[in-house]
Amino acid sequence: MRRSVYLMMVLVAVAIAAGSTMAQTNPFVGTWKLDTAKSKYEGAVAPKSLTRTVTADGSGLKYSFEGVAGDGSKLSYSFSSNLDGKDVPVTGVGIPAGADTIALKKVNEHKTEGILKKGGKEVGKASAEVAKDGKTTTVKTSGKSADGKEIKTESVYEKQ
């Protein structure tokens, strides 16, 4: 019995260490704050504030966004992805382009690309790249607003 308990404790410790190692080695993991001065928004109003939190979630990543939109409304949405290019639900308020799913895929260690969809129809594209020094992430998006206007953004986030 003691041997079984000891073995279980070792396995739990290894699992916790592995999760911790993934979080430390994945450059996307962390809390990131939008630098509005370095960001560019064409055809869209920049948010007043936005914090992007990325955590290890099993074999993938969980993304959570909290902030204030340019019009003062709340931004609060999240999703989890295995970075395998499969659609996953996005839930919350203030979701870009009103998307209800996102499909992210890993391009390389520092870059992901994604497709935003609403009702199965593509409404935007996004790419995120973490700088080699790990201090900033640049997220570029493109799509159309509800009234058909072209939108292009380049959001620069600083690691906290």
Foldseek 3Di string as FASTA:
>chain_A
DVVVVVVVVVVVVVVVVVQVVCLVQQLVAAKWWWDVVPKDKDPAFAFPIKIWHWGDDPQWIKIWMWGAGPVGDTDTKIWIANQPQDWTAIDDPPPPQPFGTKGWHDPDSFKIKIFTHHPNHTFKIKMWGQDPVSFKIWMWMWGAHPVGHTMIIIIIIGGD
